[in-house]
Amino acid sequence: MTRETLPAPLPPETRTVGQVVAEAIRLYGRRLWPSLPLGLPLAVGDTLAIATTTVEKILILVVATPAFTLAFAWASAIAADVRPRRSTWLRALVLGTLAFLPAAFFFPWFAILSVAWLALVGLVVPVVMIEDAPFRQAWPRAIELCRADYVHAVGSLATLVIVFVLSRIALAFLLREQADNTIRVAVFVADLIVSPLLFLGGALLYFDQAARVDSGPRAERRR
């Protein structure tokens, strides 16, 4: 029986939402051990947020925002295979924290609004990490990337969130039932394993949007 070869992935400027997720999974598998710690911030935050009120969830997200930013910066460095300077890390931390703070307030009660906001400004982190953009140029560049194909950016981030939520629910249920773990332990392990896809997928989205900027308007890419 002959083994069928998979079709080659589309180039970033025409990559679909589904392929963003597929490429994130592929990158995760290829760089498993460097990527696995990316799940720690969300794993800790979700574990602490169990059985809390909406206000308490918001406070947890706000406190954890710098950690989320560092995880995204790390994912960007992994995706681009770069080693930024300390000053670049600090710049990404400051700008990324400012970008993620509004999403922390929105997410517990209106998640899609957080996704839409992060699609607009969230790419400021890979812009700094990969392009080493200074403070004044990072925000305009992030907006430029967003405007290249905002529908693709929102769709990719929303799909990554949906895949993450469904996967962690299934994995947490399996861990709890098969291993007789507590809910908190099951949620922590599930988040630790699955959530790196969120950050890696967001980092890969930078390359999609950057390629779309270089390749011209959406109608031209379709032709």
C-alpha atoms as a PDB file:
ATOM      1  CA  MET A   1       0.000   0.000   0.000  1.00  0.00           C
ATOM      2  CA  THR A   2       1.544   3.292  -1.064  1.00  0.00           C
ATOM      3  CA  ARG A   3       1.663   6.156   1.369  1.00  0.00           C
ATOM      4  CA  GLU A   4      -0.048   9.299   0.119  1.00  0.00           C
ATOM      5  CA  THR A   5       1.914  12.517   0.474  1.00  0.00           C
ATOM      6  CA  LEU A   6       0.242  15.547   1.990  1.00  0.00           C
ATOM      7  CA  PRO A   7      -0.199  18.601  -0.235  1.00  0.00           C
ATOM      8  CA  ALA A   8       2.293  21.400   0.275  1.00  0.00           C
ATOM      9  CA  PRO A   9       1.015  24.199   2.541  1.00  0.00           C
ATOM     10  CA  LEU A  10      -0.017  27.439   0.919  1.00  0.00           C
ATOM     11  CA  PRO A  11       2.367  30.409   1.146  1.00  0.00           C
ATOM     12  CA  PRO A  12       1.685  32.821   4.041  1.00  0.00           C
ATOM     13  CA  GLU A  13       0.022  35.462   1.860  1.00  0.00           C
ATOM     14  CA  THR A  14      -2.736  33.009   0.857  1.00  0.00           C
ATOM     15  CA  ARG A  15      -2.742  30.733   3.895  1.00  0.00           C
ATOM     16  CA  THR A  16      -6.198  29.878   5.209  1.00  0.00           C
ATOM     17  CA  VAL A  17      -7.393  29.935   8.806  1.00  0.00           C
ATOM     18  CA  GLY A  18      -7.295  26.150   8.957  1.00  0.00           C
ATOM     19  CA  GLN A  19      -3.710  26.088   7.776  1.00  0.00           C
ATOM     20  CA  VAL A  20      -2.696  28.567  10.462  1.00  0.00           C
ATOM     21  CA  VAL A  21      -3.911  26.058  13.043  1.00  0.00           C
ATOM     22  CA  ALA A  22      -2.250  23.170  11.186  1.00  0.00           C
ATOM     23  CA  GLU A  23       1.073  25.019  10.939  1.00  0.00           C
ATOM     24  CA  ALA A  24       0.867  25.907  14.645  1.00  0.00           C
ATOM     25  CA  ILE A  25       0.417  22.221  15.492  1.00  0.00           C
ATOM     26  CA  ARG A  26       3.330  21.340  13.220  1.00  0.00           C
ATOM     27  CA  LEU A  27       5.566  23.980  14.810  1.00  0.00           C
ATOM     28  CA  TYR A  28       4.549  22.801  18.289  1.00  0.00           C
ATOM     29  CA  GLY A  29       5.495  19.232  17.444  1.00  0.00           C
ATOM     30  CA  ARG A  30       8.792  20.281  15.886  1.00  0.00           C
ATOM     31  CA  ARG A  31       9.771  22.531  18.855  1.00  0.00           C
ATOM     32  CA  LEU A  32       7.976  20.667  21.637  1.00  0.00           C
ATOM     33  CA  TRP A  33      10.260  21.243  24.597  1.00  0.00           C
ATOM     34  CA  PRO A  34      10.955  24.950  24.011  1.00  0.00           C
ATOM     35  CA  SER A  35       7.215  25.477  23.376  1.00  0.00           C
ATOM     36  CA  LEU A  36       5.771  23.551  26.314  1.00  0.00           C
ATOM     37  CA  PRO A  37       6.573  26.244  28.951  1.00  0.00           C
ATOM     38  CA  LEU A  38       4.399  28.665  26.943  1.00  0.00           C
ATOM     39  CA  GLY A  39       1.398  27.014  28.552  1.00  0.00           C
ATOM     40  CA  LEU A  40       2.418  27.842  32.130  1.00  0.00           C
ATOM     41  CA  PRO A  41       0.847  31.347  32.403  1.00  0.00           C
ATOM     42  CA  LEU A  42      -2.553  30.245  31.138  1.00  0.00           C
ATOM     43  CA  ALA A  43      -2.415  26.989  33.107  1.00  0.00           C
ATOM     44  CA  VAL A  44      -1.767  28.851  36.357  1.00  0.00           C
ATOM     45  CA  GLY A  45      -4.334  31.553  35.576  1.00  0.00           C
ATOM     46  CA  ASP A  46      -7.093  29.101  34.660  1.00  0.00           C
ATOM     47  CA  THR A  47      -6.398  26.988  37.743  1.00  0.00           C
ATOM     48  CA  LEU A  48      -6.676  30.012  40.018  1.00  0.00           C
ATOM     49  CA  ALA A  49      -9.851  31.167  38.240  1.00  0.00           C
ATOM     50  CA  ILE A  50     -11.812  27.986  38.999  1.00  0.00           C
ATOM     51  CA  ALA A  51     -14.955  28.738  41.067  1.00  0.00           C
ATOM     52  CA  THR A  52     -14.347  32.513  41.092  1.00  0.00           C
ATOM     53  CA  THR A  53     -16.576  35.451  40.202  1.00  0.00           C
ATOM     54  CA  THR A  54     -16.302  37.419  36.962  1.00  0.00           C
ATOM     55  CA  VAL A  55     -14.580  40.295  38.744  1.00  0.00           C
ATOM     56  CA  GLU A  56     -12.045  37.915  40.268  1.00  0.00           C
ATOM     57  CA  LYS A  57     -11.405  36.346  36.863  1.00  0.00           C
ATOM     58  CA  ILE A  58     -10.726  39.795  35.418  1.00  0.00           C
ATOM     59  CA  LEU A  59      -8.274  40.581  38.233  1.00  0.00           C
ATOM     60  CA  ILE A  60      -6.437  37.304  37.636  1.00  0.00           C
ATOM     61  CA  LEU A  61      -6.157  38.038  33.921  1.00  0.00           C
ATOM     62  CA  VAL A  62      -4.903  41.574  34.583  1.00  0.00           C
ATOM     63  CA  VAL A  63      -2.219  40.347  36.974  1.00  0.00           C
ATOM     64  CA  ALA A  64      -1.193  37.608  34.533  1.00  0.00           C
ATOM     65  CA  THR A  65      -1.042  39.916  31.507  1.00  0.00           C
ATOM     66  CA  PRO A  66       2.766  40.441  31.644  1.00  0.00           C
ATOM     67  CA  ALA A  67       3.229  36.662  31.792  1.00  0.00           C
ATOM     68  CA  PHE A  68       0.948  36.199  28.765  1.00  0.00           C
ATOM     69  CA  THR A  69       2.957  38.854  26.949  1.00  0.00           C
ATOM     70  CA  LEU A  70       6.253  37.116  27.677  1.00  0.00           C
ATOM     71  CA  ALA A  71       4.794  33.807  26.485  1.00  0.00           C
ATOM     72  CA  PHE A  72       3.719  35.436  23.213  1.00  0.00           C
ATOM     73  CA  ALA A  73       7.137  37.048  22.832  1.00  0.00           C
ATOM     74  CA  TRP A  74       8.780  33.684  23.423  1.00  0.00           C
ATOM     75  CA  ALA A  75       6.474  32.053  20.849  1.00  0.00           C
ATOM     76  CA  SER A  76       7.418  34.764  18.341  1.00  0.00           C
ATOM     77  CA  ALA A  77      11.098  34.070  18.896  1.00  0.00           C
ATOM     78  CA  ILE A  78      10.487  30.347  18.403  1.00  0.00           C
ATOM     79  CA  ALA A  79       8.445  30.870  15.236  1.00  0.00           C
ATOM     80  CA  ALA A  80      11.038  33.195  13.706  1.00  0.00           C
ATOM     81  CA  ASP A  81      14.034  31.309  15.146  1.00  0.00           C
ATOM     82  CA  VAL A  82      15.592  34.511  16.474  1.00  0.00           C
ATOM     83  CA  ARG A  83      17.345  35.508  19.700  1.00  0.00           C
ATOM     84  CA  PRO A  84      16.402  39.119  20.455  1.00  0.00           C
ATOM     85  CA  ARG A  85      18.382  41.396  22.750  1.00  0.00           C
ATOM     86  CA  ARG A  86      17.272  42.136  26.296  1.00  0.00           C
ATOM     87  CA  SER A  87      16.128  45.599  25.287  1.00  0.00           C
ATOM     88  CA  THR A  88      13.895  44.022  22.642  1.00  0.00           C
ATOM     89  CA  TRP A  89      12.332  41.708  25.221  1.00  0.00           C
ATOM     90  CA  LEU A  90      11.664  44.659  27.515  1.00  0.00           C
ATOM     91  CA  ARG A  91      10.081  46.671  24.693  1.00  0.00           C
ATOM     92  CA  ALA A  92       7.868  43.726  23.745  1.00  0.00           C
ATOM     93  CA  LEU A  93       6.849  43.281  27.392  1.00  0.00           C
ATOM     94  CA  VAL A  94       5.812  46.911  27.811  1.00  0.00           C
ATOM     95  CA  LEU A  95       3.940  47.250  24.523  1.00  0.00           C
ATOM     96  CA  GLY A  96       2.386  43.788  24.725  1.00  0.00           C
ATOM     97  CA  THR A  97       1.120  44.378  28.251  1.00  0.00           C
ATOM     98  CA  LEU A  98      -0.526  47.621  27.149  1.00  0.00           C
ATOM     99  CA  ALA A  99      -2.112  45.803  24.204  1.00  0.00           C
ATOM    100  CA  PHE A 100      -3.391  42.850  26.248  1.00  0.00           C
ATOM    101  CA  LEU A 101      -4.812  44.757  29.236  1.00  0.00           C
ATOM    102  CA  PRO A 102      -8.123  45.739  27.522  1.00  0.00           C
ATOM    103  CA  ALA A 103      -8.577  42.130  26.394  1.00  0.00           C
ATOM    104  CA  ALA A 104      -8.236  41.014  30.021  1.00  0.00           C
ATOM    105  CA  PHE A 105     -11.261  43.138  30.946  1.00  0.00           C
ATOM    106  CA  PHE A 106     -13.364  41.977  27.993  1.00  0.00           C
ATOM    107  CA  PHE A 107     -12.642  38.248  27.888  1.00  0.00           C
ATOM    108  CA  PRO A 108     -14.613  36.878  30.890  1.00  0.00           C
ATOM    109  CA  TRP A 109     -17.895  38.368  29.656  1.00  0.00           C
ATOM    110  CA  PHE A 110     -17.429  38.994  25.910  1.00  0.00           C
ATOM    111  CA  ALA A 111     -14.625  36.852  24.513  1.00  0.00           C
ATOM    112  CA  ILE A 112     -15.127  37.736  20.842  1.00  0.00           C
ATOM    113  CA  LEU A 113     -14.500  41.402  21.623  1.00  0.00           C
ATOM    114  CA  SER A 114     -11.139  40.452  23.146  1.00  0.00           C
ATOM    115  CA  VAL A 115     -10.295  38.437  20.041  1.00  0.00           C
ATOM    116  CA  ALA A 116     -11.219  41.356  17.784  1.00  0.00           C
ATOM    117  CA  TRP A 117      -9.078  43.720  19.861  1.00  0.00           C
ATOM    118  CA  LEU A 118      -6.048  41.407  19.881  1.00  0.00           C
ATOM    119  CA  ALA A 119      -6.362  40.965  16.112  1.00  0.00           C
ATOM    120  CA  LEU A 120      -6.094  44.746  15.864  1.00  0.00           C
ATOM    121  CA  VAL A 121      -3.112  45.417  18.150  1.00  0.00           C
ATOM    122  CA  GLY A 122      -1.775  42.085  19.405  1.00  0.00           C
ATOM    123  CA  LEU A 123       0.773  41.703  16.618  1.00  0.00           C
ATOM    124  CA  VAL A 124       2.779  44.506  18.198  1.00  0.00           C
ATOM    125  CA  VAL A 125       4.638  41.793  20.142  1.00  0.00           C
ATOM    126  CA  PRO A 126       5.988  39.841  17.132  1.00  0.00           C
ATOM    127  CA  VAL A 127       6.611  43.171  15.379  1.00  0.00           C
ATOM    128  CA  VAL A 128       9.023  44.078  18.166  1.00  0.00           C
ATOM    129  CA  MET A 129      10.509  40.610  18.607  1.00  0.00           C
ATOM    130  CA  ILE A 130      11.017  39.820  14.924  1.00  0.00           C
ATOM    131  CA  GLU A 131      11.527  43.253  13.356  1.00  0.00           C
ATOM    132  CA  ASP A 132      13.103  44.880  16.434  1.00  0.00           C
ATOM    133  CA  ALA A 133      10.798  47.845  15.836  1.00  0.00           C
ATOM    134  CA  PRO A 134      11.241  50.823  18.216  1.00  0.00           C
ATOM    135  CA  PHE A 135       8.395  52.144  20.358  1.00  0.00           C
ATOM    136  CA  ARG A 136       7.172  54.756  17.890  1.00  0.00           C
ATOM    137  CA  GLN A 137       7.128  52.427  14.902  1.00  0.00           C
ATOM    138  CA  ALA A 138       5.741  49.287  16.574  1.00  0.00           C
ATOM    139  CA  TRP A 139       2.121  50.447  16.907  1.00  0.00           C
ATOM    140  CA  PRO A 140       1.748  51.777  13.325  1.00  0.00           C
ATOM    141  CA  ARG A 141       3.353  48.597  11.992  1.00  0.00           C
ATOM    142  CA  ALA A 142       0.978  46.390  14.020  1.00  0.00           C
ATOM    143  CA  ILE A 143      -2.029  48.326  12.686  1.00  0.00           C
ATOM    144  CA  GLU A 144      -0.658  48.057   9.158  1.00  0.00           C
ATOM    145  CA  LEU A 145      -0.422  44.276   9.523  1.00  0.00           C
ATOM    146  CA  CYS A 146      -3.948  44.112  10.901  1.00  0.00           C
ATOM    147  CA  ARG A 147      -5.387  46.139   8.021  1.00  0.00           C
ATOM    148  CA  ALA A 148      -3.768  43.858   5.446  1.00  0.00           C
ATOM    149  CA  ASP A 149      -6.496  41.260   6.106  1.00  0.00           C
ATOM    150  CA  TYR A 150      -8.414  41.894   9.321  1.00  0.00           C
ATOM    151  CA  VAL A 151     -10.908  39.105   8.571  1.00  0.00           C
ATOM    152  CA  HIS A 152      -8.085  36.581   8.367  1.00  0.00           C
ATOM    153  CA  ALA A 153      -6.555  37.871  11.607  1.00  0.00           C
ATOM    154  CA  VAL A 154      -9.824  37.686  13.557  1.00  0.00           C
ATOM    155  CA  GLY A 155     -10.766  34.346  12.029  1.00  0.00           C
ATOM    156  CA  SER A 156      -7.385  32.818  12.824  1.00  0.00           C
ATOM    157  CA  LEU A 157      -7.365  33.975  16.441  1.00  0.00           C
ATOM    158  CA  ALA A 158     -11.007  32.960  16.963  1.00  0.00           C
ATOM    159  CA  THR A 159     -10.329  29.505  15.513  1.00  0.00           C
ATOM    160  CA  LEU A 160      -7.272  29.062  17.707  1.00  0.00           C
ATOM    161  CA  VAL A 161      -9.353  29.961  20.772  1.00  0.00           C
ATOM    162  CA  ILE A 162     -12.108  27.520  19.781  1.00  0.00           C
ATOM    163  CA  VAL A 163      -9.605  24.707  19.155  1.00  0.00           C
ATOM    164  CA  PHE A 164      -7.961  25.450  22.492  1.00  0.00           C
ATOM    165  CA  VAL A 165     -11.228  25.460  24.449  1.00  0.00           C
ATOM    166  CA  LEU A 166     -12.567  22.251  22.899  1.00  0.00           C
ATOM    167  CA  SER A 167      -9.234  20.450  23.246  1.00  0.00           C
ATOM    168  CA  ARG A 168      -8.686  21.422  26.869  1.00  0.00           C
ATOM    169  CA  ILE A 169     -12.244  20.405  27.818  1.00  0.00           C
ATOM    170  CA  ALA A 170     -11.781  16.979  26.233  1.00  0.00           C
ATOM    171  CA  LEU A 171      -8.305  16.503  27.697  1.00  0.00           C
ATOM    172  CA  ALA A 172      -9.308  17.730  31.168  1.00  0.00           C
ATOM    173  CA  PHE A 173     -12.290  15.360  31.174  1.00  0.00           C
ATOM    174  CA  LEU A 174     -10.091  12.456  30.083  1.00  0.00           C
ATOM    175  CA  LEU A 175      -7.451  13.187  32.708  1.00  0.00           C
ATOM    176  CA  ARG A 176     -10.041  13.464  35.440  1.00  0.00           C
ATOM    177  CA  GLU A 177     -11.907  10.284  34.497  1.00  0.00           C
ATOM    178  CA  GLN A 178      -8.971   8.042  33.593  1.00  0.00           C
ATOM    179  CA  ALA A 179      -6.389   9.188  36.111  1.00  0.00           C
ATOM    180  CA  ASP A 180      -8.759  10.106  38.929  1.00  0.00           C
ATOM    181  CA  ASN A 181      -7.273  13.588  39.169  1.00  0.00           C
ATOM    182  CA  THR A 182      -8.912  16.571  40.786  1.00  0.00           C
ATOM    183  CA  ILE A 183     -10.469  19.264  38.607  1.00  0.00           C
ATOM    184  CA  ARG A 184      -7.674  21.736  39.304  1.00  0.00           C
ATOM    185  CA  VAL A 185      -4.913  19.292  38.400  1.00  0.00           C
ATOM    186  CA  ALA A 186      -6.763  18.188  35.254  1.00  0.00           C
ATOM    187  CA  VAL A 187      -7.312  21.781  34.126  1.00  0.00           C
ATOM    188  CA  PHE A 188      -3.691  22.699  34.825  1.00  0.00           C
ATOM    189  CA  VAL A 189      -2.284  19.772  32.838  1.00  0.00           C
ATOM    190  CA  ALA A 190      -4.743  20.270  29.957  1.00  0.00           C
ATOM    191  CA  ASP A 191      -3.939  23.988  29.717  1.00  0.00           C
ATOM    192  CA  LEU A 192      -0.201  23.338  29.956  1.00  0.00           C
ATOM    193  CA  ILE A 193      -0.328  20.930  27.014  1.00  0.00           C
ATOM    194  CA  VAL A 194      -2.836  22.692  24.742  1.00  0.00           C
ATOM    195  CA  SER A 195      -2.420  26.448  25.300  1.00  0.00           C
ATOM    196  CA  PRO A 196       0.996  26.776  23.554  1.00  0.00           C
ATOM    197  CA  LEU A 197      -0.974  26.471  20.308  1.00  0.00           C
ATOM    198  CA  LEU A 198      -2.588  29.848  21.045  1.00  0.00           C
ATOM    199  CA  PHE A 199       0.735  31.642  21.273  1.00  0.00           C
ATOM    200  CA  LEU A 200       2.427  29.790  18.425  1.00  0.00           C
ATOM    201  CA  GLY A 201      -0.574  30.318  16.152  1.00  0.00           C
ATOM    202  CA  GLY A 202      -0.619  34.021  17.000  1.00  0.00           C
ATOM    203  CA  ALA A 203       3.089  34.241  16.167  1.00  0.00           C
ATOM    204  CA  LEU A 204       2.547  32.526  12.804  1.00  0.00           C
ATOM    205  CA  LEU A 205      -0.254  34.971  12.068  1.00  0.00           C
ATOM    206  CA  TYR A 206       2.401  37.706  11.976  1.00  0.00           C
ATOM    207  CA  PHE A 207       4.007  36.059   8.926  1.00  0.00           C
ATOM    208  CA  ASP A 208       0.620  35.759   7.191  1.00  0.00           C
ATOM    209  CA  GLN A 209      -0.188  39.419   7.685  1.00  0.00           C
ATOM    210  CA  ALA A 210       3.309  40.603   6.794  1.00  0.00           C
ATOM    211  CA  ALA A 211       3.169  38.614   3.552  1.00  0.00           C
ATOM    212  CA  ARG A 212      -0.249  40.088   2.791  1.00  0.00           C
ATOM    213  CA  VAL A 213       1.137  43.604   3.221  1.00  0.00           C
ATOM    214  CA  ASP A 214       3.913  42.821   0.751  1.00  0.00           C
ATOM    215  CA  SER A 215       1.638  41.086  -1.771  1.00  0.00           C
ATOM    216  CA  GLY A 216      -0.901  43.900  -2.125  1.00  0.00           C
ATOM    217  CA  PRO A 217      -4.675  44.127  -1.691  1.00  0.00           C
ATOM    218  CA  ARG A 218      -6.852  41.104  -1.037  1.00  0.00           C
ATOM    219  CA  ALA A 219      -8.391  41.085  -4.524  1.00  0.00           C
ATOM    220  CA  GLU A 220      -4.940  40.870  -6.125  1.00  0.00           C
ATOM    221  CA  ARG A 221      -3.977  37.901  -3.920  1.00  0.00           C
ATOM    222  CA  ARG A 222      -7.137  36.060  -4.975  1.00  0.00           C
ATOM    223  CA  ARG A 223      -6.276  36.527  -8.664  1.00  0.00           C
END
